[in-house]
Amino acid sequence: MAHAGIKTVILLSFVLAVGFLLVILSCALWGNWLPLLVAFTFVLAPLPNALFARCGGDDFSTEYDGSGPADLGRFITAFVVVTGFALPLVLAHSEVITPGACVMSIAGGALVYGTILAYSATFKEESSDFD
């Protein structure tokens, strides 16, 4: 956390607020609250990756760098992210929501997920050899 300053935190919080604002406006402007599900999917998307990230293999194996649980976490995360992008498209195609709400929901969800990724990359703890 020594490399990231207060300006980084302020920028990330501003982008996150804009993302949530777009998702909420996509719901409120057209009177349909189904696009709010996109915000939930993008907030929940990094959780499997974070939960399974510590489930690595042993340090002495040089054949395969990944592990089964870490790959499962990445797969579930990718599934939830694709669901977050596809859900507004399916709802707009079936005319449950308007195309404008679809675009705003996808843009807001992408900002929310991008902010979560940027925050986790910025404040990632470096592993020490002495742990």
N, C-alpha and C. Protein backbone atom coordinates (compact mmCIF):
# COMPACT_ATOMS: atom_id res chain seq x y z
N MET A 1 0.82 -1.18 0.00
CA MET A 1 0.00 0.00 0.00
C MET A 1 0.86 1.25 0.00
N ALA A 2 2.14 1.11 0.10
CA ALA A 2 3.03 2.25 0.14
C ALA A 2 3.12 2.93 -1.22
N HIS A 3 2.89 2.19 -2.30
CA HIS A 3 3.03 2.76 -3.64
C HIS A 3 1.78 3.52 -4.06
N ALA A 4 0.63 3.18 -3.53
CA ALA A 4 -0.61 3.83 -3.92
C ALA A 4 -0.95 4.91 -2.90
N GLY A 5 -1.22 6.09 -3.41
CA GLY A 5 -1.50 7.20 -2.53
C GLY A 5 -2.98 7.48 -2.41
N ILE A 6 -3.25 8.61 -1.79
CA ILE A 6 -4.63 9.01 -1.57
C ILE A 6 -5.32 9.37 -2.88
N LYS A 7 -4.55 9.85 -3.87
CA LYS A 7 -5.14 10.20 -5.16
C LYS A 7 -5.68 8.96 -5.87
N THR A 8 -5.00 7.85 -5.71
CA THR A 8 -5.47 6.60 -6.30
C THR A 8 -6.78 6.16 -5.67
N VAL A 9 -6.87 6.27 -4.37
CA VAL A 9 -8.10 5.88 -3.67
C VAL A 9 -9.25 6.79 -4.08
N ILE A 10 -8.99 8.08 -4.20
CA ILE A 10 -10.04 9.02 -4.60
C ILE A 10 -10.50 8.74 -6.03
N LEU A 11 -9.56 8.48 -6.93
CA LEU A 11 -9.92 8.17 -8.31
C LEU A 11 -10.74 6.89 -8.41
N LEU A 12 -10.32 5.86 -7.71
CA LEU A 12 -11.06 4.59 -7.75
C LEU A 12 -12.45 4.74 -7.15
N SER A 13 -12.57 5.50 -6.07
CA SER A 13 -13.90 5.68 -5.47
C SER A 13 -14.80 6.51 -6.38
N PHE A 14 -14.23 7.48 -7.09
CA PHE A 14 -15.02 8.27 -8.04
C PHE A 14 -15.53 7.40 -9.19
N VAL A 15 -14.67 6.56 -9.75
CA VAL A 15 -15.07 5.69 -10.87
C VAL A 15 -16.11 4.67 -10.39
N LEU A 16 -15.95 4.16 -9.18
CA LEU A 16 -16.93 3.22 -8.63
C LEU A 16 -18.28 3.90 -8.44
N ALA A 17 -18.27 5.15 -7.96
CA ALA A 17 -19.53 5.88 -7.78
C ALA A 17 -20.21 6.15 -9.12
N VAL A 18 -19.43 6.48 -10.14
CA VAL A 18 -20.00 6.71 -11.47
C VAL A 18 -20.60 5.41 -12.02
N GLY A 19 -19.93 4.29 -11.79
CA GLY A 19 -20.45 3.00 -12.23
C GLY A 19 -21.77 2.66 -11.58
N PHE A 20 -21.85 2.83 -10.26
CA PHE A 20 -23.11 2.56 -9.57
C PHE A 20 -24.19 3.56 -9.98
N LEU A 21 -23.80 4.80 -10.24
CA LEU A 21 -24.76 5.80 -10.70
C LEU A 21 -25.36 5.41 -12.04
N LEU A 22 -24.53 4.92 -12.95
CA LEU A 22 -25.05 4.49 -14.25
C LEU A 22 -26.01 3.31 -14.11
N VAL A 23 -25.67 2.37 -13.25
CA VAL A 23 -26.56 1.21 -13.07
C VAL A 23 -27.88 1.64 -12.44
N ILE A 24 -27.82 2.50 -11.43
CA ILE A 24 -29.05 2.94 -10.78
C ILE A 24 -29.88 3.81 -11.72
N LEU A 25 -29.21 4.66 -12.52
CA LEU A 25 -29.96 5.45 -13.50
C LEU A 25 -30.58 4.59 -14.59
N SER A 26 -29.89 3.51 -14.96
CA SER A 26 -30.49 2.62 -15.96
C SER A 26 -31.76 1.98 -15.44
N CYS A 27 -31.86 1.84 -14.15
CA CYS A 27 -33.09 1.32 -13.55
C CYS A 27 -34.14 2.41 -13.37
N ALA A 28 -33.73 3.55 -12.81
CA ALA A 28 -34.68 4.58 -12.42
C ALA A 28 -35.28 5.34 -13.61
N LEU A 29 -34.48 5.57 -14.65
CA LEU A 29 -34.98 6.37 -15.76
C LEU A 29 -36.09 5.66 -16.53
N TRP A 30 -36.03 4.35 -16.60
CA TRP A 30 -37.04 3.61 -17.35
C TRP A 30 -38.01 2.83 -16.46
N GLY A 31 -37.90 2.98 -15.16
CA GLY A 31 -38.87 2.39 -14.24
C GLY A 31 -38.83 0.88 -14.15
N ASN A 32 -37.71 0.26 -14.47
CA ASN A 32 -37.57 -1.18 -14.40
C ASN A 32 -36.29 -1.49 -13.62
N TRP A 33 -36.42 -2.21 -12.54
CA TRP A 33 -35.28 -2.41 -11.63
C TRP A 33 -34.52 -3.70 -11.90
N LEU A 34 -34.79 -4.39 -12.98
CA LEU A 34 -34.04 -5.60 -13.31
C LEU A 34 -32.57 -5.36 -13.65
N PRO A 35 -32.19 -4.24 -14.27
CA PRO A 35 -30.76 -4.03 -14.52
C PRO A 35 -29.92 -3.92 -13.24
N LEU A 36 -30.55 -3.76 -12.10
CA LEU A 36 -29.80 -3.71 -10.84
C LEU A 36 -29.12 -5.05 -10.55
N LEU A 37 -29.60 -6.12 -11.15
CA LEU A 37 -28.96 -7.43 -10.99
C LEU A 37 -27.53 -7.43 -11.53
N VAL A 38 -27.26 -6.56 -12.50
CA VAL A 38 -25.92 -6.48 -13.08
C VAL A 38 -24.92 -5.99 -12.04
N ALA A 39 -25.32 -5.03 -11.24
CA ALA A 39 -24.42 -4.53 -10.19
C ALA A 39 -24.09 -5.64 -9.20
N PHE A 40 -25.08 -6.45 -8.86
CA PHE A 40 -24.82 -7.56 -7.94
C PHE A 40 -23.87 -8.58 -8.54
N THR A 41 -24.02 -8.87 -9.83
CA THR A 41 -23.13 -9.86 -10.43
C THR A 41 -21.70 -9.35 -10.50
N PHE A 42 -21.51 -8.06 -10.81
CA PHE A 42 -20.15 -7.54 -10.90
C PHE A 42 -19.51 -7.34 -9.53
N VAL A 43 -20.32 -7.11 -8.50
CA VAL A 43 -19.76 -7.02 -7.15
C VAL A 43 -19.37 -8.42 -6.65
N LEU A 44 -20.16 -9.41 -7.00
CA LEU A 44 -19.87 -10.78 -6.57
C LEU A 44 -18.83 -11.49 -7.44
N ALA A 45 -18.51 -10.94 -8.60
CA ALA A 45 -17.61 -11.62 -9.54
C ALA A 45 -16.22 -11.88 -8.99
N PRO A 46 -15.56 -10.96 -8.29
CA PRO A 46 -14.19 -11.26 -7.82
C PRO A 46 -14.12 -12.19 -6.61
N LEU A 47 -15.25 -12.48 -5.99
CA LEU A 47 -15.21 -13.29 -4.76
C LEU A 47 -14.67 -14.71 -4.97
N PRO A 48 -15.08 -15.47 -6.00
CA PRO A 48 -14.50 -16.80 -6.16
C PRO A 48 -13.00 -16.76 -6.41
N ASN A 49 -12.56 -15.77 -7.17
CA ASN A 49 -11.13 -15.64 -7.44
C ASN A 49 -10.37 -15.32 -6.16
N ALA A 50 -10.93 -14.47 -5.33
CA ALA A 50 -10.28 -14.13 -4.07
C ALA A 50 -10.29 -15.30 -3.08
N LEU A 51 -11.37 -16.07 -3.07
CA LEU A 51 -11.46 -17.20 -2.15
C LEU A 51 -10.51 -18.33 -2.52
N PHE A 52 -10.40 -18.60 -3.82
CA PHE A 52 -9.58 -19.73 -4.26
C PHE A 52 -8.14 -19.35 -4.60
N ALA A 53 -7.77 -18.09 -4.46
CA ALA A 53 -6.42 -17.67 -4.84
C ALA A 53 -5.36 -18.26 -3.92
N ARG A 54 -5.69 -18.47 -2.68
CA ARG A 54 -4.72 -19.00 -1.72
C ARG A 54 -4.59 -20.52 -1.77
N CYS A 55 -5.41 -21.16 -2.59
CA CYS A 55 -5.38 -22.62 -2.68
C CYS A 55 -4.40 -23.06 -3.75
N GLY A 56 -3.15 -22.72 -3.61
CA GLY A 56 -2.14 -23.08 -4.59
C GLY A 56 -1.55 -24.44 -4.29
N GLY A 57 -0.80 -24.92 -5.24
CA GLY A 57 -0.11 -26.18 -5.04
C GLY A 57 1.11 -25.99 -4.16
N ASP A 58 1.90 -27.05 -4.04
CA ASP A 58 3.10 -26.93 -3.23
C ASP A 58 4.15 -26.09 -3.96
N ASP A 59 5.08 -25.55 -3.21
CA ASP A 59 6.08 -24.65 -3.78
C ASP A 59 7.19 -25.40 -4.50
N PHE A 60 7.27 -26.70 -4.35
CA PHE A 60 8.37 -27.46 -4.91
C PHE A 60 8.06 -28.05 -6.28
N SER A 61 6.82 -27.97 -6.71
CA SER A 61 6.43 -28.50 -8.00
C SER A 61 6.75 -27.49 -9.09
N THR A 62 7.43 -27.93 -10.14
CA THR A 62 7.79 -27.03 -11.23
C THR A 62 7.08 -27.37 -12.53
N GLU A 63 6.28 -28.42 -12.54
CA GLU A 63 5.64 -28.85 -13.76
C GLU A 63 4.45 -27.98 -14.14
N TYR A 64 3.58 -27.69 -13.20
CA TYR A 64 2.35 -26.94 -13.49
C TYR A 64 2.26 -25.81 -12.50
N ASP A 65 2.11 -24.59 -13.01
CA ASP A 65 2.13 -23.41 -12.16
C ASP A 65 0.81 -23.19 -11.43
N GLY A 66 -0.30 -23.65 -11.97
CA GLY A 66 -1.60 -23.42 -11.37
C GLY A 66 -2.05 -24.58 -10.53
N SER A 67 -3.23 -24.43 -9.94
CA SER A 67 -3.80 -25.53 -9.17
C SER A 67 -5.27 -25.65 -9.53
N GLY A 68 -5.85 -26.76 -9.15
CA GLY A 68 -7.26 -27.01 -9.47
C GLY A 68 -8.21 -26.01 -8.83
N PRO A 69 -8.11 -25.76 -7.52
CA PRO A 69 -9.02 -24.79 -6.92
C PRO A 69 -8.85 -23.37 -7.47
N ALA A 70 -7.62 -22.96 -7.77
CA ALA A 70 -7.40 -21.62 -8.33
C ALA A 70 -8.02 -21.52 -9.72
N ASP A 71 -7.90 -22.58 -10.51
CA ASP A 71 -8.53 -22.59 -11.83
C ASP A 71 -10.04 -22.59 -11.73
N LEU A 72 -10.58 -23.30 -10.74
CA LEU A 72 -12.02 -23.29 -10.53
C LEU A 72 -12.50 -21.89 -10.15
N GLY A 73 -11.75 -21.18 -9.31
CA GLY A 73 -12.09 -19.81 -8.95
C GLY A 73 -12.08 -18.89 -10.15
N ARG A 74 -11.08 -19.06 -11.01
CA ARG A 74 -11.02 -18.24 -12.23
C ARG A 74 -12.19 -18.56 -13.16
N PHE A 75 -12.55 -19.83 -13.25
CA PHE A 75 -13.67 -20.23 -14.11
C PHE A 75 -14.98 -19.65 -13.60
N ILE A 76 -15.23 -19.74 -12.30
CA ILE A 76 -16.47 -19.20 -11.74
C ILE A 76 -16.51 -17.68 -11.90
N THR A 77 -15.36 -17.02 -11.70
CA THR A 77 -15.30 -15.58 -11.89
C THR A 77 -15.61 -15.21 -13.33
N ALA A 78 -15.03 -15.92 -14.28
CA ALA A 78 -15.30 -15.64 -15.69
C ALA A 78 -16.77 -15.89 -16.04
N PHE A 79 -17.35 -16.91 -15.47
CA PHE A 79 -18.75 -17.21 -15.70
C PHE A 79 -19.64 -16.08 -15.20
N VAL A 80 -19.36 -15.56 -14.02
CA VAL A 80 -20.16 -14.48 -13.45
C VAL A 80 -19.98 -13.19 -14.23
N VAL A 81 -18.75 -12.92 -14.70
CA VAL A 81 -18.51 -11.71 -15.50
C VAL A 81 -19.26 -11.78 -16.83
N VAL A 82 -19.21 -12.92 -17.48
CA VAL A 82 -19.94 -13.07 -18.75
C VAL A 82 -21.44 -12.96 -18.50
N THR A 83 -21.92 -13.48 -17.38
CA THR A 83 -23.33 -13.34 -17.03
C THR A 83 -23.69 -11.87 -16.83
N GLY A 84 -22.80 -11.11 -16.21
CA GLY A 84 -23.06 -9.70 -16.00
C GLY A 84 -23.16 -8.91 -17.29
N PHE A 85 -22.40 -9.29 -18.30
CA PHE A 85 -22.51 -8.62 -19.59
C PHE A 85 -23.68 -9.15 -20.42
N ALA A 86 -23.97 -10.43 -20.29
CA ALA A 86 -25.00 -11.04 -21.14
C ALA A 86 -26.42 -10.80 -20.62
N LEU A 87 -26.58 -10.65 -19.31
CA LEU A 87 -27.93 -10.50 -18.75
C LEU A 87 -28.65 -9.26 -19.29
N PRO A 88 -28.03 -8.08 -19.34
CA PRO A 88 -28.75 -6.95 -19.93
C PRO A 88 -29.03 -7.12 -21.42
N LEU A 89 -28.12 -7.80 -22.12
CA LEU A 89 -28.37 -8.05 -23.55
C LEU A 89 -29.57 -8.96 -23.76
N VAL A 90 -29.68 -9.99 -22.93
CA VAL A 90 -30.82 -10.90 -23.04
C VAL A 90 -32.11 -10.20 -22.65
N LEU A 91 -32.05 -9.38 -21.59
CA LEU A 91 -33.25 -8.65 -21.18
C LEU A 91 -33.67 -7.63 -22.24
N ALA A 92 -32.71 -6.99 -22.88
CA ALA A 92 -33.05 -6.03 -23.93
C ALA A 92 -33.58 -6.75 -25.17
N HIS A 93 -33.02 -7.91 -25.49
CA HIS A 93 -33.48 -8.66 -26.65
C HIS A 93 -34.91 -9.15 -26.45
N SER A 94 -35.24 -9.53 -25.24
CA SER A 94 -36.60 -10.00 -24.96
C SER A 94 -37.55 -8.85 -24.65
N GLU A 95 -37.07 -7.62 -24.81
CA GLU A 95 -37.84 -6.39 -24.62
C GLU A 95 -38.38 -6.23 -23.21
N VAL A 96 -37.65 -6.75 -22.24
CA VAL A 96 -38.00 -6.53 -20.84
C VAL A 96 -37.47 -5.18 -20.38
N ILE A 97 -36.27 -4.81 -20.87
CA ILE A 97 -35.71 -3.49 -20.61
C ILE A 97 -35.45 -2.81 -21.95
N THR A 98 -35.27 -1.51 -21.92
CA THR A 98 -35.01 -0.77 -23.15
C THR A 98 -33.54 -0.87 -23.53
N PRO A 99 -33.22 -0.63 -24.80
CA PRO A 99 -31.80 -0.67 -25.20
C PRO A 99 -30.94 0.37 -24.48
N GLY A 100 -31.52 1.53 -24.16
CA GLY A 100 -30.76 2.54 -23.41
C GLY A 100 -30.39 2.06 -22.01
N ALA A 101 -31.33 1.38 -21.37
CA ALA A 101 -31.04 0.81 -20.05
C ALA A 101 -29.99 -0.28 -20.15
N CYS A 102 -30.02 -1.03 -21.23
CA CYS A 102 -29.02 -2.08 -21.46
C CYS A 102 -27.63 -1.49 -21.57
N VAL A 103 -27.48 -0.45 -22.38
CA VAL A 103 -26.17 0.17 -22.57
C VAL A 103 -25.66 0.78 -21.27
N MET A 104 -26.54 1.50 -20.57
CA MET A 104 -26.12 2.12 -19.32
C MET A 104 -25.77 1.07 -18.27
N SER A 105 -26.50 -0.02 -18.24
CA SER A 105 -26.24 -1.07 -17.28
C SER A 105 -24.91 -1.76 -17.56
N ILE A 106 -24.63 -2.03 -18.82
CA ILE A 106 -23.36 -2.67 -19.17
C ILE A 106 -22.19 -1.74 -18.88
N ALA A 107 -22.33 -0.46 -19.23
CA ALA A 107 -21.25 0.50 -18.97
C ALA A 107 -21.00 0.66 -17.47
N GLY A 108 -22.07 0.77 -16.70
CA GLY A 108 -21.92 0.89 -15.25
C GLY A 108 -21.33 -0.36 -14.63
N GLY A 109 -21.77 -1.52 -15.08
CA GLY A 109 -21.22 -2.77 -14.57
C GLY A 109 -19.75 -2.94 -14.91
N ALA A 110 -19.37 -2.53 -16.12
CA ALA A 110 -17.96 -2.61 -16.50
C ALA A 110 -17.11 -1.67 -15.65
N LEU A 111 -17.63 -0.48 -15.34
CA LEU A 111 -16.89 0.44 -14.47
C LEU A 111 -16.75 -0.13 -13.06
N VAL A 112 -17.81 -0.74 -12.55
CA VAL A 112 -17.76 -1.32 -11.20
C VAL A 112 -16.74 -2.45 -11.16
N TYR A 113 -16.81 -3.37 -12.11
CA TYR A 113 -15.88 -4.50 -12.11
C TYR A 113 -14.45 -4.05 -12.38
N GLY A 114 -14.28 -3.10 -13.29
CA GLY A 114 -12.95 -2.56 -13.55
C GLY A 114 -12.35 -1.88 -12.33
N THR A 115 -13.18 -1.19 -11.57
CA THR A 115 -12.70 -0.56 -10.34
C THR A 115 -12.28 -1.59 -9.32
N ILE A 116 -13.04 -2.65 -9.19
CA ILE A 116 -12.68 -3.71 -8.24
C ILE A 116 -11.37 -4.37 -8.66
N LEU A 117 -11.20 -4.61 -9.96
CA LEU A 117 -9.94 -5.18 -10.43
C LEU A 117 -8.76 -4.24 -10.21
N ALA A 118 -8.96 -2.96 -10.50
CA ALA A 118 -7.89 -1.98 -10.31
C ALA A 118 -7.53 -1.83 -8.84
N TYR A 119 -8.53 -1.85 -7.97
CA TYR A 119 -8.26 -1.74 -6.53
C TYR A 119 -7.48 -2.96 -6.04
N SER A 120 -7.89 -4.14 -6.47
CA SER A 120 -7.19 -5.34 -6.01
C SER A 120 -5.78 -5.43 -6.58
N ALA A 121 -5.57 -4.92 -7.80
CA ALA A 121 -4.22 -4.92 -8.36
C ALA A 121 -3.34 -3.85 -7.71
N THR A 122 -3.93 -2.71 -7.37
CA THR A 122 -3.16 -1.63 -6.77
C THR A 122 -2.72 -1.96 -5.36
N PHE A 123 -3.61 -2.53 -4.58
CA PHE A 123 -3.33 -2.79 -3.18
C PHE A 123 -3.01 -4.25 -2.90
N LYS A 124 -2.48 -4.95 -3.89
CA LYS A 124 -2.12 -6.36 -3.72
C LYS A 124 -0.87 -6.45 -2.84
N GLU A 125 -0.93 -7.34 -1.89
CA GLU A 125 0.22 -7.54 -1.01
C GLU A 125 1.24 -8.43 -1.70
N GLU A 126 2.46 -8.00 -1.69
CA GLU A 126 3.52 -8.80 -2.27
C GLU A 126 3.90 -9.89 -1.27
N SER A 127 4.05 -11.10 -1.77
CA SER A 127 4.40 -12.20 -0.88
C SER A 127 5.88 -12.11 -0.52
N SER A 128 6.17 -12.40 0.70
CA SER A 128 7.53 -12.31 1.18
C SER A 128 8.14 -13.71 1.23
N ASP A 129 9.44 -13.79 1.07
CA ASP A 129 10.12 -15.08 1.15
C ASP A 129 10.19 -15.59 2.58
N PHE A 130 9.91 -14.73 3.53
CA PHE A 130 10.07 -15.10 4.93
C PHE A 130 8.77 -15.47 5.61
N ASP A 131 7.67 -15.56 4.86
CA ASP A 131 6.37 -15.93 5.47
C ASP A 131 6.27 -17.40 5.72
